[in-house]
Amino acid sequence: MRCILVTSLMLGGLLATPAIAADAQGWLQRLSQAESKQSFQGTFVYERNGNLSTHSIWRQVEPGGSVRERLLQLDGTPQELLRVNGRAQCVNGPIASAVVDDQVSPAHGVDVKQIEQWYDLRLNGESRVAGRAAVILALLPRDQHRYGVELYVDKETGLPLKSLLVNDRGMLLERFQFTQLDTANVQPAAVLQPSTDCTPVRVVQTRTPSVESWRSGWLPPGFNLSAVTQQRSPVSTDSVDCLVYDDGLARFSVFLEPLHDVAVADARNQLGPTVAVSRRLTTDDGDVMVTVVGEIPPGTAERVAMSMRADDVHATP
C-alpha cells in the first residue's frame, strides 16, 4: 500500500456542480497522461501503519514512449526497484517477496468513464506540496467495497504530488507524498542503472483473461478479471494460479495453491490498506488454499475468498 483523519473525502464537495465534476474528470485524465509522458526525479515519503520511509525516484520517458523508472529506499533496510514500462526488471531487499507482476501506480492509464461508475469525482480546493501548487482531487467510493482516494495533482505538470487512501470511516490507511520534485533537470541515464545487488525478476507469464478452471461466485460490483498468471510455489514444486481483478483503479489478486493434505490454518491479516485473507477450499482433487490479496476492505476480500469455485470439480468451502 497515519495519525490523522481525512474526513473531507467523505464530507467535502457535497455541493459539486456539473461544471466542477467536468473539471475533476479533466484533472484525472491529465494526471493519467502525465505519468506516462513526464520525466522527473525527486524524493518522497511513504507512510503505512505509522511506519514512515523515504525514497528517491528517477523516471525517464524515452522518445519512443518507453518509461524507465528506478526507486531507492534511503532509510532502514536497503531496497531497490527498477521498472520498465511499469514492469519490475530487478529488485533488492524485503520488497522482493511482494513483486510478482507489473507494479503500476494507481492512476496510470485510467479510464475516467469506467472510474466514474464506481467513484464520485470531486475537486476539493487547492494546496501546496513540495513547494508546488496543487489541485485536490477526491475519488469517493459509491459502495463499501473499495477505498476512497484523495490526490494532490501538480498544477504545472499534472503529476501526483501526494495521495491519501482512506477507509469508510475516514481513517487514513496510506500516504504517499513528494518532499522534492524536479521536472526540469532530470539527471543522465546513469542514475537509472540498477546496482549490482538488484536481482533480476523472473518473468511471470500473463495470459489473456479467458474461461479458466477457477471462477469467483461473487465479485464486488465493477471488478472484472484483467489477467491470469501462473507461478511456482515458494514452498513446493506446484504451480500457483493467480487471477487478477480490477475496477479501473483498485486491484486485488486471488492465489490458488494445492495443499496436498498439509495442515494450514485459515488466516486474515491487514497492513495499512493491504489485506490478505486465506481460506481452505475442499475439492474432489484435494484441498486448495485460496488467498485474496489487495487494497480492498477485509470484508470484501473475505467474501471473494469464500466464493471461489472450481468449474470442473465439486468444491465446498
Protein backbone atom coordinates (compact mmCIF):
# COMPACT_ATOMS: atom_id res chain seq x y z
CA MET A 1 0.00 0.00 0.00
CA ARG A 2 -1.09 7.58 9.91
CA CYS A 3 -2.29 9.61 12.82
CA ILE A 4 -4.78 11.88 11.05
CA LEU A 5 -8.28 11.51 9.62
CA VAL A 6 -9.22 12.64 6.14
CA THR A 7 -12.90 13.36 6.65
CA SER A 8 -13.03 15.74 3.70
CA LEU A 9 -13.12 12.76 1.37
CA MET A 10 -16.45 11.67 2.82
CA LEU A 11 -17.96 15.03 3.72
CA GLY A 12 -16.44 17.55 1.30
CA GLY A 13 -17.75 18.67 -2.07
CA LEU A 14 -21.43 17.90 -1.40
CA LEU A 15 -22.43 20.90 -3.47
CA ALA A 16 -20.38 19.92 -6.54
CA THR A 17 -21.90 21.20 -9.79
CA PRO A 18 -21.70 19.50 -13.22
CA ALA A 19 -19.04 22.04 -14.24
CA ILE A 20 -16.91 21.15 -11.22
CA ALA A 21 -17.40 17.44 -11.94
CA ALA A 22 -16.18 18.01 -15.50
CA ASP A 23 -13.10 19.79 -14.14
CA ALA A 24 -12.43 16.80 -11.87
CA GLN A 25 -12.60 14.47 -14.88
CA GLY A 26 -10.13 16.67 -16.72
CA TRP A 27 -7.62 16.65 -13.86
CA LEU A 28 -7.82 12.86 -13.52
CA GLN A 29 -7.25 12.47 -17.24
CA ARG A 30 -4.34 14.90 -17.14
CA LEU A 31 -2.77 13.00 -14.24
CA SER A 32 -3.02 9.72 -16.14
CA GLN A 33 -1.34 11.22 -19.20
CA ALA A 34 1.40 13.00 -17.21
CA GLU A 35 2.61 9.80 -15.55
CA SER A 36 3.37 8.25 -18.93
CA LYS A 37 4.82 11.36 -20.60
CA GLN A 38 6.69 13.37 -17.94
CA SER A 39 10.29 12.71 -16.90
CA PHE A 40 11.24 13.71 -13.36
CA GLN A 41 13.35 12.98 -10.31
CA GLY A 42 12.55 13.53 -6.68
CA THR A 43 12.21 12.33 -3.11
CA PHE A 44 9.02 11.10 -1.49
CA VAL A 45 7.85 9.71 1.84
CA TYR A 46 5.61 6.68 2.20
CA GLU A 47 3.66 6.01 5.38
CA ARG A 48 1.59 2.98 6.37
CA ASN A 49 0.54 1.75 9.82
CA GLY A 50 2.60 4.51 11.42
CA ASN A 51 5.80 3.39 9.66
CA LEU A 52 7.50 6.06 7.57
CA SER A 53 10.12 5.51 4.86
CA THR A 54 11.91 7.88 2.48
CA HIS A 55 12.68 7.11 -1.16
CA SER A 56 14.42 8.59 -4.17
CA ILE A 57 12.82 8.15 -7.57
CA TRP A 58 14.05 8.75 -11.11
CA ARG A 59 11.78 8.43 -14.14
CA GLN A 60 12.85 8.87 -17.76
CA VAL A 61 10.39 8.86 -20.66
CA GLU A 62 12.21 7.90 -23.86
CA PRO A 63 11.37 9.49 -27.26
CA GLY A 64 9.63 6.28 -28.34
CA GLY A 65 7.40 6.31 -25.26
CA SER A 66 9.25 3.73 -23.17
CA VAL A 67 9.27 4.62 -19.45
CA ARG A 68 12.22 3.63 -17.26
CA GLU A 69 11.98 4.12 -13.51
CA ARG A 70 14.24 3.45 -10.54
CA LEU A 71 13.27 3.63 -6.85
CA LEU A 72 15.73 3.53 -3.96
CA GLN A 73 14.83 3.45 -0.26
CA LEU A 74 17.00 5.89 1.66
CA ASP A 75 16.44 4.66 5.24
CA GLY A 76 16.10 1.35 7.05
CA THR A 77 16.80 -1.85 5.15
CA PRO A 78 18.20 -1.11 1.66
CA GLN A 79 15.58 -1.66 -1.03
CA GLU A 80 15.75 -1.02 -4.76
CA LEU A 81 13.38 -1.50 -7.68
CA LEU A 82 13.88 -0.96 -11.41
CA ARG A 83 10.82 -0.88 -13.69
CA VAL A 84 10.47 -0.55 -17.44
CA ASN A 85 7.02 0.32 -18.77
CA GLY A 86 5.57 -0.45 -15.34
CA ARG A 87 7.01 -3.97 -15.10
CA ALA A 88 9.64 -4.87 -12.49
CA GLN A 89 13.01 -5.79 -14.02
CA CYS A 90 15.09 -6.23 -10.89
CA VAL A 91 14.59 -5.83 -7.16
CA ASN A 92 16.58 -5.87 -3.94
CA GLY A 93 15.54 -6.11 -0.29
CA PRO A 94 12.35 -7.23 1.51
CA ILE A 95 10.20 -5.76 -1.25
CA ALA A 96 11.29 -8.68 -3.47
CA SER A 97 8.73 -11.01 -1.86
CA ALA A 98 5.91 -8.68 -2.95
CA VAL A 99 6.98 -8.21 -6.58
CA VAL A 100 5.24 -10.89 -8.65
CA ASP A 101 3.91 -8.85 -11.55
CA ASP A 102 3.91 -5.35 -13.00
CA GLN A 103 3.89 -2.65 -10.38
CA VAL A 104 1.77 0.15 -11.83
CA SER A 105 0.78 3.30 -9.98
CA PRO A 106 -2.95 3.57 -9.23
CA ALA A 107 -3.73 6.35 -11.67
CA HIS A 108 -1.63 5.06 -14.60
CA GLY A 109 -3.65 4.57 -17.77
CA VAL A 110 -7.01 5.13 -16.09
CA ASP A 111 -10.34 5.04 -17.89
CA VAL A 112 -12.17 8.06 -16.47
CA LYS A 113 -15.63 6.92 -17.58
CA GLN A 114 -15.11 3.48 -16.01
CA ILE A 115 -13.89 5.00 -12.75
CA GLU A 116 -16.88 7.36 -12.60
CA GLN A 117 -19.21 4.36 -12.41
CA TRP A 118 -17.76 3.38 -9.02
CA TYR A 119 -16.28 6.62 -7.66
CA ASP A 120 -17.68 10.13 -7.29
CA LEU A 121 -15.06 12.59 -8.62
CA ARG A 122 -14.84 15.97 -6.88
CA LEU A 123 -12.49 18.92 -6.65
CA ASN A 124 -11.74 19.80 -3.02
CA GLY A 125 -9.82 23.05 -3.47
CA GLU A 126 -6.11 23.78 -3.82
CA SER A 127 -2.97 23.27 -1.75
CA ARG A 128 0.84 23.21 -1.93
CA VAL A 129 3.06 20.12 -1.82
CA ALA A 130 6.88 20.15 -2.07
CA GLY A 131 6.67 23.88 -2.78
CA ARG A 132 4.41 23.35 -5.81
CA ALA A 133 0.82 24.46 -6.37
CA ALA A 134 -1.62 21.56 -6.43
CA VAL A 135 -5.30 20.83 -7.11
CA ILE A 136 -7.01 18.44 -4.66
CA LEU A 137 -8.97 15.70 -6.41
CA ALA A 138 -11.20 13.36 -4.35
CA LEU A 139 -12.42 9.96 -5.53
CA LEU A 140 -15.23 8.86 -3.22
CA PRO A 141 -16.35 5.21 -3.49
CA ARG A 142 -20.03 4.65 -4.31
CA ASP A 143 -20.17 1.48 -2.18
CA GLN A 144 -18.39 -0.25 0.72
CA HIS A 145 -16.19 -2.49 -1.45
CA ARG A 146 -13.39 -0.01 -2.22
CA TYR A 147 -11.40 2.72 -0.51
CA GLY A 148 -11.52 6.48 -1.04
CA VAL A 149 -8.58 8.35 -2.55
CA GLU A 150 -7.51 11.99 -2.28
CA LEU A 151 -4.98 13.10 -4.90
CA TYR A 152 -2.95 16.32 -4.90
CA VAL A 153 -2.21 16.98 -8.56
CA ASP A 154 0.61 19.30 -9.64
CA LYS A 155 -0.95 22.26 -11.49
CA GLU A 156 2.09 22.67 -13.75
CA THR A 157 2.69 19.09 -14.90
CA GLY A 158 -0.34 17.04 -13.81
CA LEU A 159 1.87 14.68 -11.78
CA PRO A 160 0.55 13.30 -8.44
CA LEU A 161 2.37 15.12 -5.64
CA LYS A 162 0.52 13.43 -2.80
CA SER A 163 -2.08 10.71 -2.34
CA LEU A 164 -4.12 9.63 0.68
CA LEU A 165 -6.02 6.34 0.90
CA VAL A 166 -8.86 6.18 3.44
CA ASN A 167 -11.41 3.64 4.63
CA ASP A 168 -15.17 4.07 5.05
CA ARG A 169 -14.67 5.69 8.49
CA GLY A 170 -12.36 8.34 7.06
CA MET A 171 -9.27 6.81 8.70
CA LEU A 172 -6.08 7.28 6.73
CA LEU A 173 -4.56 3.94 5.69
CA GLU A 174 -1.70 5.03 3.45
CA ARG A 175 0.10 8.23 2.47
CA PHE A 176 2.45 8.97 -0.43
CA GLN A 177 3.93 12.47 -0.62
CA PHE A 178 6.74 14.15 -2.52
CA THR A 179 9.08 16.33 -0.47
CA GLN A 180 11.11 17.38 -3.52
CA LEU A 181 10.31 17.13 -7.24
CA ASP A 182 12.34 18.31 -10.23
CA THR A 183 10.90 18.06 -13.74
CA ALA A 184 13.37 20.41 -15.43
CA ASN A 185 16.79 18.99 -14.54
CA VAL A 186 16.46 15.23 -14.85
CA GLN A 187 19.84 13.59 -14.35
CA PRO A 188 21.52 11.45 -17.03
CA ALA A 189 20.64 7.81 -17.67
CA ALA A 190 23.44 6.61 -15.37
CA VAL A 191 21.24 7.06 -12.29
CA LEU A 192 18.65 4.78 -13.89
CA GLN A 193 21.07 1.86 -13.95
CA PRO A 194 20.47 -0.65 -11.12
CA SER A 195 23.13 -1.54 -8.59
CA THR A 196 24.88 -4.91 -8.64
CA ASP A 197 22.68 -6.00 -5.72
CA CYS A 198 19.50 -5.65 -7.76
CA THR A 199 18.33 -9.20 -8.60
CA PRO A 200 16.53 -9.78 -11.91
CA VAL A 201 12.84 -10.58 -11.56
CA ARG A 202 11.71 -13.84 -13.14
CA VAL A 203 9.14 -13.04 -15.78
CA VAL A 204 5.64 -14.27 -14.89
CA GLN A 205 3.69 -15.31 -17.96
CA THR A 206 0.48 -13.32 -18.24
CA ARG A 207 -2.33 -14.81 -20.29
CA THR A 208 -5.28 -13.04 -21.83
CA PRO A 209 -8.26 -13.48 -19.50
CA SER A 210 -10.33 -16.46 -20.60
CA VAL A 211 -12.58 -19.16 -19.18
CA GLU A 212 -10.41 -20.85 -16.55
CA SER A 213 -10.96 -23.83 -14.29
CA TRP A 214 -11.42 -21.41 -11.37
CA ARG A 215 -14.07 -18.74 -11.01
CA SER A 216 -15.49 -16.49 -8.34
CA GLY A 217 -19.11 -16.99 -7.36
CA TRP A 218 -19.21 -13.36 -6.21
CA LEU A 219 -17.24 -10.24 -7.09
CA PRO A 220 -17.66 -6.68 -5.81
CA PRO A 221 -19.56 -4.64 -8.45
CA GLY A 222 -17.30 -3.17 -11.13
CA PHE A 223 -14.39 -5.60 -10.66
CA ASN A 224 -13.53 -7.71 -13.72
CA LEU A 225 -10.90 -10.33 -14.49
CA SER A 226 -7.96 -8.50 -16.08
CA ALA A 227 -5.12 -11.04 -16.05
CA VAL A 228 -4.38 -14.71 -15.39
CA THR A 229 -0.88 -15.73 -14.34
CA GLN A 230 0.86 -18.85 -13.09
CA GLN A 231 3.99 -19.07 -10.97
CA ARG A 232 6.00 -21.60 -9.00
CA SER A 233 5.07 -22.02 -5.36
CA PRO A 234 7.79 -20.77 -2.96
CA VAL A 235 7.34 -23.86 -0.76
CA SER A 236 6.76 -26.68 -3.27
CA THR A 237 7.11 -27.71 -6.91
CA ASP A 238 3.45 -26.92 -7.60
CA SER A 239 2.24 -24.11 -9.80
CA VAL A 240 0.12 -21.41 -8.20
CA ASP A 241 -2.70 -19.94 -10.27
CA CYS A 242 -3.32 -16.21 -9.88
CA LEU A 243 -6.42 -14.35 -11.03
CA VAL A 244 -6.17 -10.55 -11.08
CA TYR A 245 -9.28 -8.35 -10.84
CA ASP A 246 -9.61 -4.56 -11.05
CA ASP A 247 -12.22 -1.80 -11.31
CA GLY A 248 -10.03 0.63 -13.25
CA LEU A 249 -8.38 1.97 -10.10
CA ALA A 250 -8.26 -0.64 -7.30
CA ARG A 251 -6.92 -4.15 -7.83
CA PHE A 252 -6.77 -7.46 -5.98
CA SER A 253 -5.34 -10.90 -6.75
CA VAL A 254 -6.62 -14.38 -5.94
CA PHE A 255 -3.94 -17.08 -5.48
CA LEU A 256 -4.88 -20.79 -5.57
CA GLU A 257 -2.34 -23.33 -4.31
CA PRO A 258 -2.75 -27.13 -3.82
CA LEU A 259 -2.18 -28.19 -0.20
CA HIS A 260 -1.59 -31.96 -0.59
CA ASP A 261 -3.09 -32.64 2.87
CA VAL A 262 -0.74 -30.17 4.55
CA ALA A 263 -2.33 -28.69 7.68
CA VAL A 264 -2.59 -24.93 7.08
CA ALA A 265 -4.91 -22.71 9.11
CA ASP A 266 -7.15 -20.04 7.65
CA ALA A 267 -5.73 -16.54 8.14
CA ARG A 268 -6.67 -12.88 7.86
CA ASN A 269 -4.12 -10.06 8.04
CA GLN A 270 -4.05 -6.40 7.17
CA LEU A 271 -1.15 -3.97 6.81
CA GLY A 272 -2.38 -0.47 6.09
CA PRO A 273 -4.72 -0.77 3.10
CA THR A 274 -3.41 -4.17 2.01
CA VAL A 275 -5.43 -7.16 3.20
CA ALA A 276 -4.58 -10.85 2.86
CA VAL A 277 -7.31 -13.43 3.50
CA SER A 278 -6.58 -17.18 3.21
CA ARG A 279 -9.26 -19.88 3.26
CA ARG A 280 -9.07 -23.64 2.72
CA LEU A 281 -11.27 -24.96 -0.10
CA THR A 282 -12.07 -28.67 -0.42
CA THR A 283 -12.40 -30.14 -3.93
CA ASP A 284 -12.58 -33.65 -5.38
CA ASP A 285 -8.90 -33.24 -6.34
CA GLY A 286 -7.83 -32.28 -2.81
CA ASP A 287 -7.70 -29.19 -0.64
CA VAL A 288 -6.62 -25.85 -2.07
CA MET A 289 -5.59 -22.70 -0.22
CA VAL A 290 -7.35 -19.63 -1.62
CA THR A 291 -5.62 -16.34 -0.77
CA VAL A 292 -7.02 -12.92 -1.69
CA VAL A 293 -4.51 -10.05 -1.57
CA GLY A 294 -5.18 -6.43 -2.44
CA GLU A 295 -6.15 -2.93 -1.37
CA ILE A 296 -9.81 -3.68 -0.68
CA PRO A 297 -11.75 -3.80 2.61
CA PRO A 298 -11.26 -7.02 4.65
CA GLY A 299 -14.94 -7.99 4.46
CA THR A 300 -14.87 -7.76 0.67
CA ALA A 301 -11.74 -9.90 0.44
CA GLU A 302 -13.28 -12.47 2.81
CA ARG A 303 -16.40 -12.75 0.66
CA VAL A 304 -14.35 -13.20 -2.54
CA ALA A 305 -12.23 -15.93 -0.92
CA MET A 306 -15.31 -17.82 0.30
CA SER A 307 -16.93 -17.63 -3.14
CA MET A 308 -14.13 -19.22 -5.19
CA ARG A 309 -15.19 -22.35 -7.05
CA ALA A 310 -13.62 -24.88 -9.39
CA ASP A 311 -15.64 -25.16 -12.59
CA ASP A 312 -14.67 -28.72 -13.40
CA VAL A 313 -14.88 -30.32 -9.94
CA HIS A 314 -17.19 -30.14 -6.95
CA ALA A 315 -15.88 -27.73 -4.33
CA THR A 316 -17.09 -26.92 -0.83
CA PRO A 317 -15.67 -24.20 1.45
